[in-house]
C-alpha atoms as a PDB file:
ATOM      1  CA  MET A   1     -23.713 -18.835 -27.402  1.00  0.00           C
ATOM      2  CA  SER A   2     -21.618 -17.134 -29.911  1.00  0.00           C
ATOM      3  CA  GLY A   3     -18.251 -16.868 -31.168  1.00  0.00           C
ATOM      4  CA  LEU A   4     -15.703 -17.981 -28.489  1.00  0.00           C
ATOM      5  CA  ALA A   5     -18.387 -20.030 -26.692  1.00  0.00           C
ATOM      6  CA  ASP A   6     -19.363 -21.934 -29.715  1.00  0.00           C
ATOM      7  CA  LYS A   7     -15.965 -22.803 -30.566  1.00  0.00           C
ATOM      8  CA  LEU A   8     -15.090 -23.890 -27.102  1.00  0.00           C
ATOM      9  CA  THR A   9     -18.184 -25.977 -26.946  1.00  0.00           C
ATOM     10  CA  LEU A  10     -17.547 -27.458 -30.324  1.00  0.00           C
ATOM     11  CA  TRP A  11     -14.206 -28.193 -29.290  1.00  0.00           C
ATOM     12  CA  ILE A  12     -15.191 -30.134 -26.003  1.00  0.00           C
ATOM     13  CA  LYS A  13     -17.682 -32.060 -28.030  1.00  0.00           C
ATOM     14  CA  GLU A  14     -14.808 -33.274 -30.410  1.00  0.00           C
ATOM     15  CA  GLU A  15     -12.635 -34.146 -27.633  1.00  0.00           C
ATOM     16  CA  ILE A  16     -15.178 -36.272 -25.908  1.00  0.00           C
ATOM     17  CA  GLU A  17     -16.043 -37.907 -28.966  1.00  0.00           C
ATOM     18  CA  LYS A  18     -12.511 -38.510 -30.036  1.00  0.00           C
ATOM     19  CA  ALA A  19     -11.884 -40.251 -26.624  1.00  0.00           C
ATOM     20  CA  GLY A  20     -14.827 -42.523 -27.429  1.00  0.00           C
ATOM     21  CA  ALA A  21     -16.746 -41.599 -24.116  1.00  0.00           C
ATOM     22  CA  LYS A  22     -20.465 -41.624 -24.218  1.00  0.00           C
ATOM     23  CA  GLY A  23     -21.026 -38.816 -21.839  1.00  0.00           C
ATOM     24  CA  ALA A  24     -19.196 -36.442 -19.530  1.00  0.00           C
ATOM     25  CA  VAL A  25     -19.034 -35.651 -15.751  1.00  0.00           C
ATOM     26  CA  VAL A  26     -19.219 -31.990 -14.782  1.00  0.00           C
ATOM     27  CA  GLY A  27     -17.998 -31.106 -11.370  1.00  0.00           C
ATOM     28  CA  LEU A  28     -19.399 -27.973  -9.833  1.00  0.00           C
ATOM     29  CA  SER A  29     -18.184 -26.227  -6.851  1.00  0.00           C
ATOM     30  CA  GLY A  30     -20.296 -23.687  -6.496  1.00  0.00           C
ATOM     31  CA  GLY A  31     -17.501 -20.770  -7.142  1.00  0.00           C
ATOM     32  CA  ILE A  32     -17.724 -18.056  -9.588  1.00  0.00           C
ATOM     33  CA  ASP A  33     -15.734 -20.371 -12.093  1.00  0.00           C
ATOM     34  CA  SER A  34     -18.481 -22.832 -11.812  1.00  0.00           C
ATOM     35  CA  ALA A  35     -21.158 -20.339 -12.312  1.00  0.00           C
ATOM     36  CA  VAL A  36     -19.550 -19.213 -15.317  1.00  0.00           C
ATOM     37  CA  TRP A  37     -18.862 -22.613 -16.580  1.00  0.00           C
ATOM     38  CA  LEU A  38     -22.536 -24.148 -15.956  1.00  0.00           C
ATOM     39  CA  PRO A  39     -24.470 -22.176 -19.126  1.00  0.00           C
ATOM     40  CA  TYR A  40     -21.667 -23.718 -21.541  1.00  0.00           C
ATOM     41  CA  ALA A  41     -22.064 -27.200 -20.180  1.00  0.00           C
ATOM     42  CA  LYS A  42     -26.029 -26.835 -20.302  1.00  0.00           C
ATOM     43  CA  GLY A  43     -25.477 -25.803 -24.026  1.00  0.00           C
ATOM     44  CA  LEU A  44     -22.724 -28.697 -24.654  1.00  0.00           C
ATOM     45  CA  PHE A  45     -25.262 -31.132 -23.464  1.00  0.00           C
ATOM     46  CA  ARG A  46     -27.686 -29.944 -25.941  1.00  0.00           C
ATOM     47  CA  VAL A  47     -25.126 -30.287 -28.704  1.00  0.00           C
ATOM     48  CA  MET A  48     -24.202 -33.709 -27.620  1.00  0.00           C
ATOM     49  CA  SER A  49     -27.770 -34.938 -26.992  1.00  0.00           C
ATOM     50  CA  TRP A  50     -27.353 -35.721 -23.227  1.00  0.00           C
ATOM     51  CA  GLU A  51     -29.975 -34.050 -21.627  1.00  0.00           C
END
């Protein structure tokens, strides 16, 4: 990931941490928006060490 994707991933990570959550739930519908989101979610989980 680079640029905007990195910024979004780190922002989501920070928001989850600020909320005091220990994880996240990602709902995927199977549509194009889910297909686009999935690689970023995978990167986020690596950053958060949730895999």
